[in-house]
Amino acid sequence: MEKVITDFIDTVEFGDAKTHRSMTVIPLFAATNDVPAFLTLRRALDAGHLVITEISASGSVPELLAKNTGDLPILLLDGEELAGAKQNRVLNTTILLRERSETVIPVSCTEHGRWSYRSAHFNDSDVIMAKKARENKARTVAMSLRNEKSYRSNQGQVWNDIAALSDEVGVRSETGAMRDVYESRKASLDEYVEAFPVKEGQKGLLFLIDGKVVGFDIISSVSGYADLHGKIVRSYAMEVLATREGTDGGKGSERKASDFFERLRSCREEKYQSIGYGIDYRFENEISVGSALVNLEKVIHMAFFESTPTDRRENMSGPAQWRANRPRNF
């Protein structure tokens, strides 16, 4: 790992672990200073500084057009969902949109059964893709970057993961919409957000499910993280609701978290020019996959996910199927 990444990891500090049902959460803090200001998706939309549309009247499944009319960059987080236009989409990577710019952004469809306009513009769906689907998407985007220098996902894998999530929580959506799954479990998801309130100065969260570290997200800005806190908690909580709701005391959580961060240093590292500002780093080892957006030598966003080799064999498509499922216009 490059020094800018390891130096950032060295600044991360753990807060007190807290457990709700089978999910344990550790707040993350980091001493990153002089980070350039930016707006989150929600704040930019509310302020009228961001407009996201199809790239044309006919549209294109893996691409959208983002117009930043304001004087600050806008952070779009990997896995954040956009609702509206011809079908709902999620971001394939974290992007720091340049101010006063128009950018074609890479996305994946999260509403398989619709290709017709509901609105001219996209809105914030208030959803981040569930952890397992987000992890699988990260792996295929990394493969696409390695093979084609493109931020495309395996669209077929995304649809399969959403269908599996729907089956696991017993939800049928007329259009196969991921957002409908979240809406069906809104009360339970909100319970998790209430159980893990944001702390003063917090910049991220590390999650354990049934005593096993499954991932973390950390953002350079305290205010930016606060805007995204609820979405991130729901993303991991959905993973619990989709499998089982057991109990786990969270014993040894900090030691497991420390061991997890130490293992990250063994990841293979690749880097690419980001869609907006900065450099997009990709990391992978036998059981972890992650990414980091770095701008002006500052980590803006970092996310890692951990799974077992069995999980990956069960949930990932091979290269041939990945090529077969490359997204096309409807």
Protein backbone atom coordinates (compact mmCIF):
# COMPACT_ATOMS: atom_id res chain seq x y z
CA MET A 1 0.00 0.00 0.00
CA GLU A 2 1.18 3.51 -0.76
CA LYS A 3 2.16 5.75 2.12
CA VAL A 4 -0.91 8.01 1.78
CA ILE A 5 -3.09 4.95 2.48
CA THR A 6 -1.05 3.43 5.32
CA ASP A 7 -0.64 6.83 6.96
CA PHE A 8 -4.41 7.25 6.91
CA ILE A 9 -5.00 3.77 8.34
CA ASP A 10 -2.55 4.60 11.15
CA THR A 11 -4.71 7.60 12.16
CA VAL A 12 -7.91 5.55 12.56
CA GLU A 13 -9.08 5.19 16.15
CA PHE A 14 -11.86 2.98 17.52
CA GLY A 15 -14.75 4.15 19.65
CA ASP A 16 -16.69 1.95 22.07
CA ALA A 17 -18.30 -1.10 20.51
CA LYS A 18 -22.05 -1.45 20.80
CA THR A 19 -24.22 -4.47 19.91
CA HIS A 20 -27.83 -4.66 18.75
CA ARG A 21 -29.13 -8.16 18.08
CA SER A 22 -26.40 -9.88 16.00
CA MET A 23 -24.73 -6.70 14.75
CA THR A 24 -21.88 -4.98 16.57
CA VAL A 25 -20.73 -1.53 15.51
CA ILE A 26 -17.48 0.28 16.30
CA PRO A 27 -17.41 4.04 15.59
CA LEU A 28 -14.33 5.15 13.67
CA PHE A 29 -12.45 8.41 14.12
CA ALA A 30 -9.52 9.73 12.07
CA ALA A 31 -7.31 12.81 12.36
CA THR A 32 -7.50 13.99 8.77
CA ASN A 33 -7.02 17.75 8.50
CA ASP A 34 -7.21 20.33 5.73
CA VAL A 35 -9.56 18.18 3.66
CA PRO A 36 -11.19 20.12 0.80
CA ALA A 37 -14.84 20.94 1.46
CA PHE A 38 -17.55 19.10 -0.43
CA LEU A 39 -21.30 18.49 -0.40
CA THR A 40 -22.96 15.09 -0.09
CA LEU A 41 -25.53 13.88 -2.61
CA ARG A 42 -28.43 14.78 -0.37
CA ARG A 43 -27.22 18.28 0.47
CA ALA A 44 -26.35 19.06 -3.13
CA LEU A 45 -29.78 17.97 -4.35
CA ASP A 46 -31.54 19.90 -1.58
CA ALA A 47 -29.54 23.02 -2.43
CA GLY A 48 -30.34 22.70 -6.13
CA HIS A 49 -26.66 22.37 -7.07
CA LEU A 50 -26.93 18.87 -8.53
CA VAL A 51 -29.05 17.51 -11.38
CA ILE A 52 -28.74 13.86 -12.44
CA THR A 53 -30.49 12.64 -15.58
CA GLU A 54 -30.34 9.94 -18.22
CA ILE A 55 -27.53 10.70 -20.69
CA SER A 56 -30.11 11.10 -23.48
CA ALA A 57 -33.85 10.71 -24.07
CA SER A 58 -33.34 7.04 -24.91
CA GLY A 59 -31.00 6.47 -21.94
CA SER A 60 -28.16 4.05 -21.30
CA VAL A 61 -28.29 1.49 -18.47
CA PRO A 62 -24.68 1.83 -17.24
CA GLU A 63 -24.36 5.63 -17.49
CA LEU A 64 -26.01 8.79 -16.17
CA LEU A 65 -25.25 12.49 -16.57
CA ALA A 66 -24.45 14.47 -13.41
CA LYS A 67 -24.41 18.28 -13.55
CA ASN A 68 -22.80 20.11 -10.63
CA THR A 69 -23.84 23.76 -10.92
CA GLY A 70 -22.36 24.81 -7.58
CA ASP A 71 -19.01 26.10 -6.38
CA LEU A 72 -18.10 23.03 -4.29
CA PRO A 73 -17.28 19.45 -5.28
CA ILE A 74 -20.01 16.87 -4.60
CA LEU A 75 -19.34 13.44 -3.08
CA LEU A 76 -21.29 10.55 -4.60
CA LEU A 77 -20.70 7.39 -2.57
CA ASP A 78 -20.16 3.92 -4.00
CA GLY A 79 -23.45 2.00 -3.64
CA GLU A 80 -25.67 5.06 -3.14
CA GLU A 81 -28.93 4.62 -5.01
CA LEU A 82 -30.56 7.17 -7.31
CA ALA A 83 -34.31 6.86 -7.85
CA GLY A 84 -36.35 7.99 -10.84
CA ALA A 85 -35.99 8.57 -14.59
CA LYS A 86 -36.15 5.29 -16.58
CA GLN A 87 -35.00 2.98 -13.75
CA ASN A 88 -33.26 3.23 -10.38
CA ARG A 89 -29.44 2.96 -10.36
CA VAL A 90 -26.55 2.72 -7.88
CA LEU A 91 -23.11 4.33 -8.11
CA ASN A 92 -20.38 1.91 -9.22
CA THR A 93 -17.65 3.87 -7.45
CA THR A 94 -17.16 6.85 -5.18
CA ILE A 95 -16.88 10.07 -7.18
CA LEU A 96 -15.92 13.59 -6.15
CA LEU A 97 -17.67 15.63 -8.84
CA ARG A 98 -15.82 18.75 -9.93
CA GLU A 99 -17.54 22.06 -9.29
CA ARG A 100 -19.28 23.66 -12.29
CA SER A 101 -19.04 20.47 -14.33
CA GLU A 102 -20.97 17.89 -16.34
CA THR A 103 -19.84 14.30 -15.82
CA VAL A 104 -20.96 10.95 -17.21
CA ILE A 105 -21.04 8.66 -14.17
CA PRO A 106 -20.92 4.81 -14.12
CA VAL A 107 -23.91 3.10 -12.52
CA SER A 108 -25.73 -0.24 -12.24
CA CYS A 109 -29.44 -0.89 -12.57
CA THR A 110 -31.32 -1.80 -9.37
CA GLU A 111 -34.78 -2.04 -10.94
CA HIS A 112 -34.68 -4.82 -13.50
CA GLY A 113 -38.33 -4.64 -14.59
CA ARG A 114 -38.69 -0.98 -15.57
CA TRP A 115 -37.40 1.03 -18.52
CA SER A 116 -39.80 3.97 -18.70
CA TYR A 117 -39.73 7.48 -17.34
CA ARG A 118 -41.18 8.26 -13.92
CA SER A 119 -39.41 11.60 -13.64
CA ALA A 120 -37.01 13.73 -15.63
CA HIS A 121 -34.41 13.84 -12.84
CA PHE A 122 -33.10 11.41 -10.27
CA ASN A 123 -33.66 11.82 -6.54
CA ASP A 124 -31.81 10.48 -3.52
CA SER A 125 -33.38 7.12 -2.73
CA ASP A 126 -31.92 7.24 0.84
CA VAL A 127 -30.54 3.74 0.25
CA ILE A 128 -27.05 2.29 -0.02
CA MET A 129 -26.85 -1.20 -1.54
CA ALA A 130 -26.67 -4.04 1.01
CA LYS A 131 -23.19 -5.18 2.00
CA LYS A 132 -22.96 -8.49 0.12
CA ALA A 133 -24.23 -7.02 -3.15
CA ARG A 134 -21.96 -4.01 -2.73
CA GLU A 135 -18.98 -6.29 -2.11
CA ASN A 136 -19.73 -8.37 -5.20
CA LYS A 137 -20.13 -5.22 -7.27
CA ALA A 138 -16.78 -3.91 -5.99
CA ARG A 139 -15.06 -7.10 -7.12
CA THR A 140 -16.49 -6.95 -10.64
CA VAL A 141 -15.76 -3.22 -11.00
CA ALA A 142 -12.15 -3.97 -9.98
CA MET A 143 -12.08 -6.71 -12.64
CA SER A 144 -13.45 -4.29 -15.23
CA LEU A 145 -10.83 -1.68 -14.32
CA ARG A 146 -8.07 -4.25 -14.57
CA ASN A 147 -9.24 -5.68 -17.90
CA GLU A 148 -10.82 -2.71 -19.65
CA LYS A 149 -10.01 0.43 -17.61
CA SER A 150 -13.77 0.85 -17.18
CA TYR A 151 -15.88 1.38 -14.04
CA ARG A 152 -18.52 -1.12 -15.17
CA SER A 153 -20.05 -3.82 -12.99
CA ASN A 154 -21.38 -7.25 -13.82
CA GLN A 155 -25.01 -6.16 -14.25
CA GLY A 156 -26.25 -9.74 -14.19
CA GLN A 157 -24.57 -10.27 -10.81
CA VAL A 158 -26.21 -7.10 -9.46
CA TRP A 159 -29.66 -8.29 -10.54
CA ASN A 160 -29.01 -11.75 -9.09
CA ASP A 161 -27.96 -10.25 -5.76
CA ILE A 162 -31.07 -8.06 -5.60
CA ALA A 163 -33.29 -11.04 -6.47
CA ALA A 164 -31.61 -13.10 -3.72
CA LEU A 165 -32.11 -10.27 -1.23
CA SER A 166 -35.79 -10.05 -2.18
CA ASP A 167 -36.21 -13.80 -1.70
CA GLU A 168 -34.43 -13.77 1.65
CA VAL A 169 -36.71 -11.08 3.11
CA GLY A 170 -39.83 -12.39 1.34
CA VAL A 171 -40.57 -9.31 -0.78
CA ARG A 172 -41.98 -9.29 -4.30
CA SER A 173 -41.52 -6.12 -6.31
CA GLU A 174 -43.34 -5.55 -9.59
CA THR A 175 -40.20 -4.04 -11.11
CA GLY A 176 -37.56 -5.96 -9.13
CA ALA A 177 -36.64 -2.75 -7.33
CA MET A 178 -34.05 -2.92 -4.55
CA ARG A 179 -35.67 0.12 -2.96
CA ASP A 180 -38.92 -1.85 -2.46
CA VAL A 181 -37.01 -4.36 -0.31
CA TYR A 182 -35.76 -1.57 1.94
CA GLU A 183 -39.21 0.01 2.16
CA SER A 184 -40.68 -3.33 3.28
CA ARG A 185 -38.27 -3.44 6.24
CA LYS A 186 -38.21 0.27 7.05
CA ALA A 187 -39.27 -0.09 10.69
CA SER A 188 -36.63 -2.74 11.43
CA LEU A 189 -33.91 -0.79 9.63
CA ASP A 190 -34.78 2.40 11.49
CA GLU A 191 -34.46 0.43 14.73
CA TYR A 192 -30.80 -0.24 13.90
CA VAL A 193 -30.17 3.43 13.10
CA GLU A 194 -31.65 4.38 16.48
CA ALA A 195 -29.49 1.74 18.20
CA PHE A 196 -26.29 3.22 16.74
CA PRO A 197 -26.51 7.03 16.87
CA VAL A 198 -23.72 9.07 15.35
CA LYS A 199 -21.05 10.27 17.81
CA GLU A 200 -19.39 13.67 17.98
CA GLY A 201 -16.41 13.75 15.63
CA GLN A 202 -17.26 10.37 14.11
CA LYS A 203 -16.11 9.69 10.54
CA GLY A 204 -17.04 6.06 9.99
CA LEU A 205 -18.28 2.71 11.24
CA LEU A 206 -16.85 -0.80 11.35
CA PHE A 207 -19.38 -3.63 11.42
CA LEU A 208 -19.33 -7.14 12.85
CA ILE A 209 -22.16 -9.60 12.23
CA ASP A 210 -22.34 -12.66 14.50
CA GLY A 211 -18.92 -11.71 15.84
CA LYS A 212 -17.21 -11.55 12.43
CA VAL A 213 -15.87 -8.34 10.87
CA VAL A 214 -17.72 -7.77 7.60
CA GLY A 215 -16.59 -4.28 6.60
CA PHE A 216 -16.32 -0.57 7.22
CA ASP A 217 -16.83 2.84 5.64
CA ILE A 218 -14.95 5.98 6.63
CA ILE A 219 -15.22 9.50 5.21
CA SER A 220 -12.84 12.46 5.62
CA SER A 221 -15.51 14.96 6.70
CA VAL A 222 -17.39 14.80 10.01
CA SER A 223 -20.40 16.60 8.55
CA GLY A 224 -20.28 14.52 5.37
CA TYR A 225 -20.21 11.32 7.39
CA ALA A 226 -23.14 12.49 9.54
CA ASP A 227 -25.21 12.96 6.37
CA LEU A 228 -24.46 9.38 5.31
CA HIS A 229 -24.53 7.63 8.70
CA GLY A 230 -28.12 6.35 8.51
CA LYS A 231 -27.70 5.04 4.97
CA ILE A 232 -24.53 3.14 5.90
CA VAL A 233 -26.09 1.56 8.99
CA ARG A 234 -29.12 0.42 6.98
CA SER A 235 -26.87 -1.10 4.33
CA TYR A 236 -25.28 -3.45 6.86
CA ALA A 237 -28.45 -3.97 8.88
CA MET A 238 -30.20 -5.21 5.73
CA GLU A 239 -27.59 -7.96 5.58
CA VAL A 240 -28.67 -9.08 9.06
CA LEU A 241 -32.38 -8.96 8.17
CA ALA A 242 -31.76 -10.91 4.97
CA THR A 243 -30.09 -13.80 6.76
CA ARG A 244 -31.11 -14.16 10.39
CA GLU A 245 -31.54 -12.16 13.55
CA GLY A 246 -29.52 -13.87 16.23
CA THR A 247 -27.63 -12.38 19.15
CA ASP A 248 -23.93 -11.85 19.66
CA GLY A 249 -22.29 -10.21 22.63
CA GLY A 250 -19.59 -8.55 20.58
CA LYS A 251 -16.80 -10.05 22.71
CA GLY A 252 -13.32 -9.19 21.50
CA SER A 253 -14.67 -6.74 18.90
CA GLU A 254 -11.82 -4.25 19.18
CA ARG A 255 -9.17 -6.98 18.86
CA LYS A 256 -10.94 -8.36 15.78
CA ALA A 257 -11.15 -4.86 14.32
CA SER A 258 -7.44 -4.27 14.93
CA ASP A 259 -6.58 -7.61 13.32
CA PHE A 260 -8.77 -6.70 10.34
CA PHE A 261 -7.01 -3.38 9.80
CA GLU A 262 -3.64 -5.10 10.06
CA ARG A 263 -4.66 -7.65 7.38
CA LEU A 264 -5.55 -4.83 5.01
CA ARG A 265 -1.87 -3.99 4.66
CA SER A 266 -1.36 -7.27 2.76
CA CYS A 267 -3.84 -6.31 0.03
CA ARG A 268 -2.75 -6.01 -3.57
CA GLU A 269 -3.08 -2.39 -4.67
CA GLU A 270 -3.98 -0.88 -8.03
CA LYS A 271 -4.83 2.72 -8.82
CA TYR A 272 -6.75 4.48 -11.56
CA GLN A 273 -7.76 7.99 -12.50
CA SER A 274 -11.09 8.73 -10.85
CA ILE A 275 -14.16 9.85 -12.77
CA GLY A 276 -13.99 13.22 -10.97
CA TYR A 277 -11.27 14.57 -8.72
CA GLY A 278 -8.53 12.33 -7.40
CA ILE A 279 -7.18 8.80 -7.69
CA ASP A 280 -9.30 5.65 -7.25
CA TYR A 281 -7.37 2.95 -5.36
CA ARG A 282 -8.45 -0.70 -5.47
CA PHE A 283 -7.38 -3.33 -2.93
CA GLU A 284 -7.82 -7.09 -2.74
CA ASN A 285 -6.49 -10.10 -0.88
CA GLU A 286 -7.83 -13.61 -0.34
CA ILE A 287 -10.78 -12.51 1.81
CA SER A 288 -11.06 -8.71 1.51
CA VAL A 289 -11.87 -6.20 -1.19
CA GLY A 290 -11.76 -2.44 -0.82
CA SER A 291 -11.38 0.95 -2.42
CA ALA A 292 -10.25 4.44 -1.51
CA LEU A 293 -10.71 7.79 -3.20
CA VAL A 294 -7.70 10.05 -2.62
CA ASN A 295 -7.59 13.72 -3.61
CA LEU A 296 -4.75 16.15 -2.87
CA GLU A 297 -3.02 13.43 -0.79
CA LYS A 298 -6.10 13.07 1.45
CA VAL A 299 -8.31 9.99 1.73
CA ILE A 300 -11.82 11.22 0.99
CA HIS A 301 -13.60 7.88 1.34
CA MET A 302 -12.43 4.35 2.11
CA ALA A 303 -14.50 1.16 2.26
CA PHE A 304 -13.52 -2.48 2.79
CA PHE A 305 -15.56 -5.68 2.87
CA GLU A 306 -14.56 -9.11 4.11
CA SER A 307 -15.97 -12.50 3.20
CA THR A 308 -14.90 -16.13 3.17
CA PRO A 309 -13.73 -17.89 -0.01
CA THR A 310 -16.93 -19.96 0.17
CA ASP A 311 -19.02 -16.78 0.12
CA ARG A 312 -17.20 -15.60 -2.99
CA ARG A 313 -17.57 -18.95 -4.80
CA GLU A 314 -21.28 -18.98 -4.07
CA ASN A 315 -21.96 -15.38 -5.03
CA MET A 316 -19.52 -14.48 -7.81
CA SER A 317 -19.83 -15.20 -11.52
CA GLY A 318 -16.85 -16.36 -13.54
CA PRO A 319 -15.19 -14.14 -16.17
CA ALA A 320 -17.17 -15.68 -19.05
CA GLN A 321 -20.48 -14.95 -17.34
CA TRP A 322 -19.22 -11.46 -16.45
CA ARG A 323 -18.63 -10.75 -20.12
CA ALA A 324 -22.03 -12.22 -21.03
CA ASN A 325 -23.76 -9.98 -18.52
CA ARG A 326 -22.13 -6.71 -19.50
CA PRO A 327 -24.84 -4.04 -19.36
CA ARG A 328 -26.59 -3.03 -22.52
CA ASN A 329 -29.25 -0.45 -23.29
CA PHE A 330 -32.76 -1.79 -22.94
